[in-house]
PDB file of N, CA and C in Angstrom:
ATOM      1  N   MET A   1       1.497  -6.117  10.524  1.00  0.00           N
ATOM      2  CA  MET A   1       0.254  -5.568  10.047  1.00  0.00           C
ATOM      3  C   MET A   1      -0.476  -4.824  11.150  1.00  0.00           C
ATOM      4  N   ARG A   2      -0.151  -5.134  12.374  1.00  0.00           N
ATOM      5  CA  ARG A   2      -0.811  -4.433  13.481  1.00  0.00           C
ATOM      6  C   ARG A   2      -0.369  -2.979  13.580  1.00  0.00           C
ATOM      7  N   ASP A   3       0.727  -2.636  12.902  1.00  0.00           N
ATOM      8  CA  ASP A   3       1.233  -1.268  12.936  1.00  0.00           C
ATOM      9  C   ASP A   3       0.780  -0.432  11.739  1.00  0.00           C
ATOM     10  N   LEU A   4      -0.076  -0.992  10.885  1.00  0.00           N
ATOM     11  CA  LEU A   4      -0.545  -0.246   9.724  1.00  0.00           C
ATOM     12  C   LEU A   4      -1.291   1.005  10.161  1.00  0.00           C
ATOM     13  N   ASN A   5      -1.041   2.085   9.452  1.00  0.00           N
ATOM     14  CA  ASN A   5      -1.728   3.342   9.733  1.00  0.00           C
ATOM     15  C   ASN A   5      -3.115   3.282   9.086  1.00  0.00           C
ATOM     16  N   ILE A   6      -4.149   3.245   9.893  1.00  0.00           N
ATOM     17  CA  ILE A   6      -5.509   3.097   9.370  1.00  0.00           C
ATOM     18  C   ILE A   6      -6.044   4.394   8.783  1.00  0.00           C
ATOM     19  N   ASP A   7      -5.290   5.479   8.900  1.00  0.00           N
ATOM     20  CA  ASP A   7      -5.720   6.753   8.333  1.00  0.00           C
ATOM     21  C   ASP A   7      -5.221   6.944   6.904  1.00  0.00           C
ATOM     22  N   LYS A   8      -4.432   6.008   6.401  1.00  0.00           N
ATOM     23  CA  LYS A   8      -3.931   6.096   5.034  1.00  0.00           C
ATOM     24  C   LYS A   8      -4.999   5.649   4.048  1.00  0.00           C
ATOM     25  N   PHE A   9      -4.818   6.072   2.791  1.00  0.00           N
ATOM     26  CA  PHE A   9      -5.756   5.694   1.740  1.00  0.00           C
ATOM     27  C   PHE A   9      -5.565   4.243   1.345  1.00  0.00           C
ATOM     28  N   MET A  10      -6.628   3.634   0.852  1.00  0.00           N
ATOM     29  CA  MET A  10      -6.491   2.295   0.297  1.00  0.00           C
ATOM     30  C   MET A  10      -5.959   2.431  -1.125  1.00  0.00           C
ATOM     31  N   GLY A  11      -5.317   1.406  -1.606  1.00  0.00           N
ATOM     32  CA  GLY A  11      -4.736   1.422  -2.933  1.00  0.00           C
ATOM     33  C   GLY A  11      -5.725   1.023  -4.006  1.00  0.00           C
ATOM     34  N   PRO A  12      -5.212   0.746  -5.201  1.00  0.00           N
ATOM     35  CA  PRO A  12      -6.078   0.421  -6.330  1.00  0.00           C
ATOM     36  C   PRO A  12      -6.852  -0.887  -6.163  1.00  0.00           C
ATOM     37  N   ASN A  13      -6.401  -1.760  -5.273  1.00  0.00           N
ATOM     38  CA  ASN A  13      -7.138  -3.010  -5.050  1.00  0.00           C
ATOM     39  C   ASN A  13      -8.276  -2.821  -4.049  1.00  0.00           C
ATOM     40  N   GLU A  14      -8.448  -1.591  -3.569  1.00  0.00           N
ATOM     41  CA  GLU A  14      -9.522  -1.212  -2.652  1.00  0.00           C
ATOM     42  C   GLU A  14      -9.521  -2.006  -1.345  1.00  0.00           C
ATOM     43  N   MET A  15      -8.331  -2.361  -0.886  1.00  0.00           N
ATOM     44  CA  MET A  15      -8.176  -3.035   0.403  1.00  0.00           C
ATOM     45  C   MET A  15      -7.716  -1.983   1.413  1.00  0.00           C
ATOM     46  N   HIS A  16      -8.569  -1.663   2.351  1.00  0.00           N
ATOM     47  CA  HIS A  16      -8.261  -0.607   3.314  1.00  0.00           C
ATOM     48  C   HIS A  16      -7.318  -1.140   4.391  1.00  0.00           C
ATOM     49  N   PRO A  17      -6.357  -0.322   4.812  1.00  0.00           N
ATOM     50  CA  PRO A  17      -5.431  -0.754   5.873  1.00  0.00           C
ATOM     51  C   PRO A  17      -6.145  -1.191   7.146  1.00  0.00           C
ATOM     52  N   ARG A  18      -7.300  -0.599   7.437  1.00  0.00           N
ATOM     53  CA  ARG A  18      -8.056  -0.969   8.645  1.00  0.00           C
ATOM     54  C   ARG A  18      -8.483  -2.438   8.592  1.00  0.00           C
ATOM     55  N   VAL A  19      -8.845  -2.919   7.392  1.00  0.00           N
ATOM     56  CA  VAL A  19      -9.266  -4.315   7.239  1.00  0.00           C
ATOM     57  C   VAL A  19      -8.100  -5.248   7.541  1.00  0.00           C
ATOM     58  N   LEU A  20      -6.939  -4.968   6.946  1.00  0.00           N
ATOM     59  CA  LEU A  20      -5.776  -5.821   7.190  1.00  0.00           C
ATOM     60  C   LEU A  20      -5.343  -5.771   8.655  1.00  0.00           C
ATOM     61  N   ARG A  21      -5.409  -4.601   9.258  1.00  0.00           N
ATOM     62  CA  ARG A  21      -5.007  -4.494  10.654  1.00  0.00           C
ATOM     63  C   ARG A  21      -5.983  -5.245  11.563  1.00  0.00           C
ATOM     64  N   THR A  22      -7.271  -5.118  11.277  1.00  0.00           N
ATOM     65  CA  THR A  22      -8.277  -5.794  12.090  1.00  0.00           C
ATOM     66  C   THR A  22      -8.197  -7.305  11.938  1.00  0.00           C
ATOM     67  N   LEU A  23      -7.952  -7.768  10.717  1.00  0.00           N
ATOM     68  CA  LEU A  23      -7.925  -9.206  10.433  1.00  0.00           C
ATOM     69  C   LEU A  23      -6.505  -9.763  10.364  1.00  0.00           C
ATOM     70  N   ALA A  24      -5.565  -9.103  11.002  1.00  0.00           N
ATOM     71  CA  ALA A  24      -4.153  -9.500  10.917  1.00  0.00           C
ATOM     72  C   ALA A  24      -3.935 -10.963  11.269  1.00  0.00           C
ATOM     73  N   ASP A  25      -4.603 -11.457  12.302  1.00  0.00           N
ATOM     74  CA  ASP A  25      -4.419 -12.853  12.710  1.00  0.00           C
ATOM     75  C   ASP A  25      -4.892 -13.832  11.641  1.00  0.00           C
ATOM     76  N   VAL A  26      -5.895 -13.436  10.870  1.00  0.00           N
ATOM     77  CA  VAL A  26      -6.477 -14.316   9.852  1.00  0.00           C
ATOM     78  C   VAL A  26      -5.685 -14.270   8.545  1.00  0.00           C
ATOM     79  N   VAL A  27      -5.260 -13.082   8.129  1.00  0.00           N
ATOM     80  CA  VAL A  27      -4.641 -12.930   6.811  1.00  0.00           C
ATOM     81  C   VAL A  27      -3.119 -12.979   6.830  1.00  0.00           C
ATOM     82  N   ALA A  28      -2.500 -12.983   7.995  1.00  0.00           N
ATOM     83  CA  ALA A  28      -1.037 -12.943   8.072  1.00  0.00           C
ATOM     84  C   ALA A  28      -0.383 -14.128   7.364  1.00  0.00           C
ATOM     85  N   LYS A  29      -0.839 -15.327   7.633  1.00  0.00           N
ATOM     86  CA  LYS A  29      -0.223 -16.513   7.035  1.00  0.00           C
ATOM     87  C   LYS A  29      -0.397 -16.549   5.515  1.00  0.00           C
ATOM     88  N   PRO A  30      -1.646 -16.407   4.986  1.00  0.00           N
ATOM     89  CA  PRO A  30      -1.789 -16.421   3.526  1.00  0.00           C
ATOM     90  C   PRO A  30      -1.002 -15.294   2.847  1.00  0.00           C
ATOM     91  N   LEU A  31      -1.019 -14.110   3.444  1.00  0.00           N
ATOM     92  CA  LEU A  31      -0.286 -12.995   2.849  1.00  0.00           C
ATOM     93  C   LEU A  31       1.214 -13.253   2.879  1.00  0.00           C
ATOM     94  N   SER A  32       1.703 -13.844   3.956  1.00  0.00           N
ATOM     95  CA  SER A  32       3.137 -14.140   4.037  1.00  0.00           C
ATOM     96  C   SER A  32       3.542 -15.156   2.972  1.00  0.00           C
ATOM     97  N   LEU A  33       2.668 -16.117   2.663  1.00  0.00           N
ATOM     98  CA  LEU A  33       2.966 -17.089   1.614  1.00  0.00           C
ATOM     99  C   LEU A  33       3.047 -16.431   0.249  1.00  0.00           C
ATOM    100  N   VAL A  34       2.132 -15.506  -0.023  1.00  0.00           N
ATOM    101  CA  VAL A  34       2.151 -14.785  -1.301  1.00  0.00           C
ATOM    102  C   VAL A  34       3.412 -13.935  -1.415  1.00  0.00           C
ATOM    103  N   LEU A  35       3.744 -13.211  -0.357  1.00  0.00           N
ATOM    104  CA  LEU A  35       4.930 -12.358  -0.384  1.00  0.00           C
ATOM    105  C   LEU A  35       6.212 -13.182  -0.477  1.00  0.00           C
ATOM    106  N   LYS A  36       6.246 -14.321   0.191  1.00  0.00           N
ATOM    107  CA  LYS A  36       7.421 -15.197   0.128  1.00  0.00           C
ATOM    108  C   LYS A  36       7.603 -15.722  -1.292  1.00  0.00           C
ATOM    109  N   LYS A  37       6.510 -16.144  -1.916  1.00  0.00           N
ATOM    110  CA  LYS A  37       6.579 -16.644  -3.298  1.00  0.00           C
ATOM    111  C   LYS A  37       7.064 -15.541  -4.231  1.00  0.00           C
ATOM    112  N   SER A  38       6.578 -14.331  -4.035  1.00  0.00           N
ATOM    113  CA  SER A  38       7.009 -13.193  -4.836  1.00  0.00           C
ATOM    114  C   SER A  38       8.506 -12.955  -4.666  1.00  0.00           C
ATOM    115  N   TRP A  39       8.981 -13.030  -3.437  1.00  0.00           N
ATOM    116  CA  TRP A  39      10.404 -12.834  -3.144  1.00  0.00           C
ATOM    117  C   TRP A  39      11.247 -13.913  -3.818  1.00  0.00           C
ATOM    118  N   GLN A  40      10.805 -15.166  -3.720  1.00  0.00           N
ATOM    119  CA  GLN A  40      11.574 -16.290  -4.266  1.00  0.00           C
ATOM    120  C   GLN A  40      11.631 -16.272  -5.792  1.00  0.00           C
ATOM    121  N   THR A  41      10.541 -15.920  -6.431  1.00  0.00           N
ATOM    122  CA  THR A  41      10.488 -15.940  -7.894  1.00  0.00           C
ATOM    123  C   THR A  41      10.943 -14.634  -8.522  1.00  0.00           C
ATOM    124  N   GLY A  42      10.961 -13.574  -7.730  1.00  0.00           N
ATOM    125  CA  GLY A  42      11.313 -12.264  -8.278  1.00  0.00           C
ATOM    126  C   GLY A  42      10.187 -11.647  -9.079  1.00  0.00           C
ATOM    127  N   GLU A  43       8.998 -12.219  -8.972  1.00  0.00           N
ATOM    128  CA  GLU A  43       7.842 -11.708  -9.701  1.00  0.00           C
ATOM    129  C   GLU A  43       6.907 -10.988  -8.745  1.00  0.00           C
ATOM    130  N   VAL A  44       6.286  -9.957  -9.259  1.00  0.00           N
ATOM    131  CA  VAL A  44       5.350  -9.176  -8.467  1.00  0.00           C
ATOM    132  C   VAL A  44       3.945  -9.482  -8.959  1.00  0.00           C
ATOM    133  N   THR A  45       3.005  -9.611  -8.033  1.00  0.00           N
ATOM    134  CA  THR A  45       1.629  -9.883  -8.428  1.00  0.00           C
ATOM    135  C   THR A  45       1.071  -8.711  -9.228  1.00  0.00           C
ATOM    136  N   VAL A  46       0.017  -8.971  -9.956  1.00  0.00           N
ATOM    137  CA  VAL A  46      -0.609  -7.917 -10.761  1.00  0.00           C
ATOM    138  C   VAL A  46      -1.023  -6.751  -9.867  1.00  0.00           C
ATOM    139  N   ASP A  47      -1.593  -7.034  -8.706  1.00  0.00           N
ATOM    140  CA  ASP A  47      -1.982  -5.965  -7.785  1.00  0.00           C
ATOM    141  C   ASP A  47      -0.777  -5.176  -7.292  1.00  0.00           C
ATOM    142  N   GLY A  48       0.350  -5.837  -7.167  1.00  0.00           N
ATOM    143  CA  GLY A  48       1.553  -5.158  -6.705  1.00  0.00           C
ATOM    144  C   GLY A  48       2.101  -4.176  -7.712  1.00  0.00           C
ATOM    145  N   LYS A  49       1.760  -4.364  -8.978  1.00  0.00           N
ATOM    146  CA  LYS A  49       2.225  -3.474 -10.036  1.00  0.00           C
ATOM    147  C   LYS A  49       1.289  -2.298 -10.272  1.00  0.00           C
ATOM    148  N   LYS A  50       0.052  -2.422  -9.819  1.00  0.00           N
ATOM    149  CA  LYS A  50      -0.930  -1.370 -10.054  1.00  0.00           C
ATOM    150  C   LYS A  50      -0.716  -0.206  -9.105  1.00  0.00           C
ATOM    151  N   GLY A  51      -1.061   0.942  -9.590  1.00  0.00           N
ATOM    152  CA  GLY A  51      -1.026   2.141  -8.772  1.00  0.00           C
ATOM    153  C   GLY A  51      -1.912   3.176  -9.422  1.00  0.00           C
ATOM    154  N   SER A  52      -2.373   4.083  -8.657  1.00  0.00           N
ATOM    155  CA  SER A  52      -3.167   5.162  -9.226  1.00  0.00           C
ATOM    156  C   SER A  52      -2.612   6.480  -8.720  1.00  0.00           C
ATOM    157  N   ILE A  53      -2.622   7.461  -9.596  1.00  0.00           N
ATOM    158  CA  ILE A  53      -2.125   8.789  -9.258  1.00  0.00           C
ATOM    159  C   ILE A  53      -3.324   9.662  -8.900  1.00  0.00           C
ATOM    160  N   VAL A  54      -3.269  10.261  -7.733  1.00  0.00           N
ATOM    161  CA  VAL A  54      -4.343  11.146  -7.292  1.00  0.00           C
ATOM    162  C   VAL A  54      -3.734  12.473  -6.841  1.00  0.00           C
ATOM    163  N   PRO A  55      -4.487  13.560  -6.981  1.00  0.00           N
ATOM    164  CA  PRO A  55      -3.976  14.843  -6.496  1.00  0.00           C
ATOM    165  C   PRO A  55      -4.137  14.954  -4.990  1.00  0.00           C
ATOM    166  N   ALA A  56      -3.100  15.395  -4.323  1.00  0.00           N
ATOM    167  CA  ALA A  56      -3.138  15.593  -2.872  1.00  0.00           C
ATOM    168  C   ALA A  56      -2.966  17.080  -2.593  1.00  0.00           C
ATOM    169  N   PHE A  57      -3.929  17.666  -1.929  1.00  0.00           N
ATOM    170  CA  PHE A  57      -3.891  19.088  -1.594  1.00  0.00           C
ATOM    171  C   PHE A  57      -2.784  19.341  -0.591  1.00  0.00           C
ATOM    172  N   GLU A  58      -1.969  20.384  -0.859  1.00  0.00           N
ATOM    173  CA  GLU A  58      -0.885  20.665   0.084  1.00  0.00           C
ATOM    174  C   GLU A  58      -0.691  22.147   0.391  1.00  0.00           C
ATOM    175  N   LYS A  59      -1.327  23.022  -0.365  1.00  0.00           N
ATOM    176  CA  LYS A  59      -1.106  24.456  -0.132  1.00  0.00           C
ATOM    177  C   LYS A  59      -2.413  25.166   0.174  1.00  0.00           C
ATOM    178  N   SER A  60      -2.395  26.472   0.123  1.00  0.00           N
ATOM    179  CA  SER A  60      -3.494  27.270   0.652  1.00  0.00           C
ATOM    180  C   SER A  60      -4.767  27.346  -0.196  1.00  0.00           C
ATOM    181  N   ARG A  61      -4.703  27.502  -1.506  1.00  0.00           N
ATOM    182  CA  ARG A  61      -5.907  27.741  -2.305  1.00  0.00           C
ATOM    183  C   ARG A  61      -6.301  26.493  -3.084  1.00  0.00           C
ATOM    184  N   LYS A  62      -7.444  25.915  -2.757  1.00  0.00           N
ATOM    185  CA  LYS A  62      -7.893  24.682  -3.404  1.00  0.00           C
ATOM    186  C   LYS A  62      -8.238  24.871  -4.872  1.00  0.00           C
ATOM    187  N   GLU A  63      -8.595  26.083  -5.279  1.00  0.00           N
ATOM    188  CA  GLU A  63      -8.935  26.316  -6.684  1.00  0.00           C
ATOM    189  C   GLU A  63      -7.698  26.461  -7.569  1.00  0.00           C
ATOM    190  N   ASP A  64      -6.528  26.596  -6.971  1.00  0.00           N
ATOM    191  CA  ASP A  64      -5.277  26.722  -7.709  1.00  0.00           C
ATOM    192  C   ASP A  64      -4.686  25.339  -7.966  1.00  0.00           C
ATOM    193  N   PRO A  65      -4.535  24.940  -9.252  1.00  0.00           N
ATOM    194  CA  PRO A  65      -3.962  23.621  -9.554  1.00  0.00           C
ATOM    195  C   PRO A  65      -2.555  23.428  -8.981  1.00  0.00           C
ATOM    196  N   GLY A  66      -1.835  24.511  -8.764  1.00  0.00           N
ATOM    197  CA  GLY A  66      -0.501  24.423  -8.192  1.00  0.00           C
ATOM    198  C   GLY A  66      -0.502  24.055  -6.720  1.00  0.00           C
ATOM    199  N   SER A  67      -1.687  24.020  -6.118  1.00  0.00           N
ATOM    200  CA  SER A  67      -1.801  23.677  -4.694  1.00  0.00           C
ATOM    201  C   SER A  67      -1.840  22.172  -4.461  1.00  0.00           C
ATOM    202  N   TYR A  68      -1.703  21.410  -5.514  1.00  0.00           N
ATOM    203  CA  TYR A  68      -1.797  19.955  -5.404  1.00  0.00           C
ATOM    204  C   TYR A  68      -0.506  19.310  -5.886  1.00  0.00           C
ATOM    205  N   GLN A  69      -0.190  18.183  -5.305  1.00  0.00           N
ATOM    206  CA  GLN A  69       0.947  17.398  -5.799  1.00  0.00           C
ATOM    207  C   GLN A  69       0.431  15.999  -6.118  1.00  0.00           C
ATOM    208  N   PRO A  70       1.006  15.358  -7.129  1.00  0.00           N
ATOM    209  CA  PRO A  70       0.560  14.005  -7.454  1.00  0.00           C
ATOM    210  C   PRO A  70       1.082  12.998  -6.431  1.00  0.00           C
ATOM    211  N   VAL A  71       0.217  12.084  -6.034  1.00  0.00           N
ATOM    212  CA  VAL A  71       0.581  11.029  -5.091  1.00  0.00           C
ATOM    213  C   VAL A  71       0.176   9.705  -5.708  1.00  0.00           C
ATOM    214  N   ARG A  72       1.082   8.735  -5.683  1.00  0.00           N
ATOM    215  CA  ARG A  72       0.787   7.414  -6.236  1.00  0.00           C
ATOM    216  C   ARG A  72       0.314   6.512  -5.110  1.00  0.00           C
ATOM    217  N   LEU A  73      -0.889   5.975  -5.271  1.00  0.00           N
ATOM    218  CA  LEU A  73      -1.423   5.039  -4.289  1.00  0.00           C
ATOM    219  C   LEU A  73      -1.113   3.624  -4.747  1.00  0.00           C
ATOM    220  N   THR A  74      -0.483   2.858  -3.884  1.00  0.00           N
ATOM    221  CA  THR A  74      -0.182   1.461  -4.186  1.00  0.00           C
ATOM    222  C   THR A  74      -0.954   0.572  -3.215  1.00  0.00           C
ATOM    223  N   SER A  75      -0.980  -0.698  -3.495  1.00  0.00           N
ATOM    224  CA  SER A  75      -1.744  -1.617  -2.653  1.00  0.00           C
ATOM    225  C   SER A  75      -1.117  -1.733  -1.264  1.00  0.00           C
ATOM    226  N   VAL A  76      -1.937  -1.979  -0.284  1.00  0.00           N
ATOM    227  CA  VAL A  76      -1.459  -2.124   1.092  1.00  0.00           C
ATOM    228  C   VAL A  76      -0.533  -3.337   1.224  1.00  0.00           C
ATOM    229  N   PRO A  77      -0.875  -4.514   0.638  1.00  0.00           N
ATOM    230  CA  PRO A  77       0.089  -5.625   0.694  1.00  0.00           C
ATOM    231  C   PRO A  77       1.428  -5.270   0.032  1.00  0.00           C
ATOM    232  N   GLY A  78       1.373  -4.470  -1.027  1.00  0.00           N
ATOM    233  CA  GLY A  78       2.617  -4.018  -1.666  1.00  0.00           C
ATOM    234  C   GLY A  78       3.441  -3.159  -0.725  1.00  0.00           C
ATOM    235  N   LYS A  79       2.772  -2.320   0.040  1.00  0.00           N
ATOM    236  CA  LYS A  79       3.473  -1.484   1.015  1.00  0.00           C
ATOM    237  C   LYS A  79       4.096  -2.337   2.117  1.00  0.00           C
ATOM    238  N   ILE A  80       3.398  -3.392   2.491  1.00  0.00           N
ATOM    239  CA  ILE A  80       3.938  -4.303   3.512  1.00  0.00           C
ATOM    240  C   ILE A  80       5.215  -4.954   2.975  1.00  0.00           C
ATOM    241  N   MET A  81       5.176  -5.397   1.730  1.00  0.00           N
ATOM    242  CA  MET A  81       6.352  -6.012   1.114  1.00  0.00           C
ATOM    243  C   MET A  81       7.502  -5.005   1.026  1.00  0.00           C
ATOM    244  N   GLU A  82       7.198  -3.765   0.660  1.00  0.00           N
ATOM    245  CA  GLU A  82       8.229  -2.729   0.605  1.00  0.00           C
ATOM    246  C   GLU A  82       8.875  -2.537   1.972  1.00  0.00           C
ATOM    247  N   GLN A  83       8.066  -2.521   3.020  1.00  0.00           N
ATOM    248  CA  GLN A  83       8.593  -2.336   4.369  1.00  0.00           C
ATOM    249  C   GLN A  83       9.495  -3.497   4.777  1.00  0.00           C
ATOM    250  N   ILE A  84       9.109  -4.710   4.409  1.00  0.00           N
ATOM    251  CA  ILE A  84       9.933  -5.878   4.699  1.00  0.00           C
ATOM    252  C   ILE A  84      11.280  -5.755   3.998  1.00  0.00           C
ATOM    253  N   LEU A  85      11.265  -5.317   2.744  1.00  0.00           N
ATOM    254  CA  LEU A  85      12.504  -5.158   1.981  1.00  0.00           C
ATOM    255  C   LEU A  85      13.392  -4.069   2.591  1.00  0.00           C
ATOM    256  N   VAL A  86      12.786  -2.964   2.996  1.00  0.00           N
ATOM    257  CA  VAL A  86      13.554  -1.877   3.606  1.00  0.00           C
ATOM    258  C   VAL A  86      14.234  -2.360   4.876  1.00  0.00           C
ATOM    259  N   GLU A  87      13.499  -3.110   5.682  1.00  0.00           N
ATOM    260  CA  GLU A  87      14.074  -3.615   6.934  1.00  0.00           C
ATOM    261  C   GLU A  87      15.179  -4.642   6.657  1.00  0.00           C
ATOM    262  N   ALA A  88      15.030  -5.435   5.582  1.00  0.00           N
ATOM    263  CA  ALA A  88      16.043  -6.434   5.247  1.00  0.00           C
ATOM    264  C   ALA A  88      17.330  -5.791   4.758  1.00  0.00           C
ATOM    265  N   LEU A  89      17.197  -4.644   4.089  1.00  0.00           N
ATOM    266  CA  LEU A  89      18.384  -3.959   3.579  1.00  0.00           C
ATOM    267  C   LEU A  89      19.051  -3.171   4.687  1.00  0.00           C
TER     268      LEU A  89
END
Protein backbone atom coordinates (compact mmCIF):
# COMPACT_ATOMS: atom_id res chain seq x y z
CA MET A 1 0.00 0.00 0.00
CA ARG A 2 2.96 2.29 0.43
CA ASP A 3 3.45 2.17 -3.35
CA LEU A 4 -0.06 3.38 -4.20
CA ASN A 5 -0.11 6.24 -6.66
CA ILE A 6 -1.75 9.11 -4.77
CA ASP A 7 -2.44 10.96 -8.02
CA LYS A 8 -4.98 8.37 -9.16
CA PHE A 9 -8.72 8.85 -8.80
CA MET A 10 -10.65 7.31 -5.96
CA GLY A 11 -13.17 4.65 -6.88
CA PRO A 12 -16.90 4.40 -6.28
CA ASN A 13 -16.39 3.76 -2.55
CA GLU A 14 -14.77 7.22 -2.33
CA MET A 15 -11.63 5.89 -0.64
CA HIS A 16 -8.70 7.94 -1.90
CA PRO A 17 -5.36 6.17 -2.45
CA ARG A 18 -3.68 8.86 -0.32
CA VAL A 19 -5.72 7.74 2.71
CA LEU A 20 -4.74 4.09 2.32
CA ARG A 21 -1.11 5.00 1.73
CA THR A 22 -0.99 7.32 4.74
CA LEU A 23 -2.75 4.83 7.02
CA ALA A 24 -1.05 1.72 5.62
CA ASP A 25 0.21 0.60 9.03
CA VAL A 26 -3.30 0.82 10.50
CA VAL A 27 -5.39 -0.68 7.69
CA ALA A 28 -3.00 -3.32 6.32
CA LYS A 29 -4.04 -6.11 8.68
CA PRO A 30 -7.84 -5.63 8.44
CA LEU A 31 -7.64 -5.21 4.67
CA SER A 32 -5.48 -8.32 4.33
CA LEU A 33 -8.09 -10.31 6.28
CA VAL A 34 -10.87 -9.13 3.97
CA LEU A 35 -8.84 -9.90 0.84
CA LYS A 36 -7.79 -13.30 2.20
CA LYS A 37 -11.42 -14.20 2.93
CA SER A 38 -12.39 -13.10 -0.57
CA TRP A 39 -9.62 -15.27 -2.04
CA GLN A 40 -10.61 -18.31 0.03
CA THR A 41 -14.34 -18.11 -0.68
CA GLY A 42 -14.07 -16.94 -4.27
CA GLU A 43 -16.52 -14.16 -3.47
CA VAL A 44 -15.96 -10.49 -4.11
CA THR A 45 -17.25 -7.83 -1.75
CA VAL A 46 -20.00 -5.52 -2.96
CA ASP A 47 -17.49 -2.66 -3.19
CA GLY A 48 -15.20 -4.86 -5.26
CA LYS A 49 -17.93 -5.31 -7.86
CA LYS A 50 -18.81 -1.64 -8.15
CA GLY A 51 -17.31 0.60 -10.74
CA SER A 52 -18.17 3.83 -12.39
CA ILE A 53 -17.49 4.89 -15.95
CA VAL A 54 -16.18 8.42 -16.39
CA PRO A 55 -14.95 10.26 -19.48
CA ALA A 56 -11.20 10.84 -19.57
CA PHE A 57 -9.92 13.61 -21.84
CA GLU A 58 -7.18 12.39 -24.16
CA LYS A 59 -7.10 14.52 -27.31
CA SER A 60 -6.90 18.14 -28.35
CA ARG A 61 -10.44 19.65 -28.37
CA LYS A 62 -12.43 19.39 -25.14
CA GLU A 63 -15.70 20.31 -26.87
CA ASP A 64 -15.38 17.30 -29.20
CA PRO A 65 -16.96 14.15 -27.68
CA GLY A 66 -14.44 12.08 -29.63
CA SER A 67 -11.68 13.59 -27.49
CA TYR A 68 -12.70 11.45 -24.54
CA GLN A 69 -12.39 7.77 -23.77
CA PRO A 70 -14.40 5.89 -21.16
CA VAL A 71 -12.46 4.87 -18.05
CA ARG A 72 -13.81 2.52 -15.39
CA LEU A 73 -12.97 3.53 -11.84
CA THR A 74 -12.80 0.66 -9.38
CA SER A 75 -12.18 0.67 -5.65
CA VAL A 76 -8.63 1.07 -4.40
CA PRO A 77 -8.82 -2.14 -2.28
CA GLY A 78 -10.02 -3.91 -5.43
CA LYS A 79 -6.98 -2.63 -7.28
CA ILE A 80 -4.75 -3.90 -4.48
CA MET A 81 -6.35 -7.34 -4.79
CA GLU A 82 -5.87 -7.26 -8.58
CA GLN A 83 -2.19 -6.45 -8.12
CA ILE A 84 -1.77 -9.33 -5.67
CA LEU A 85 -3.37 -11.70 -8.19
CA VAL A 86 -1.18 -10.43 -11.04
CA GLU A 87 1.94 -10.97 -8.96
CA ALA A 88 0.76 -14.47 -7.94
CA LEU A 89 0.23 -15.47 -11.56
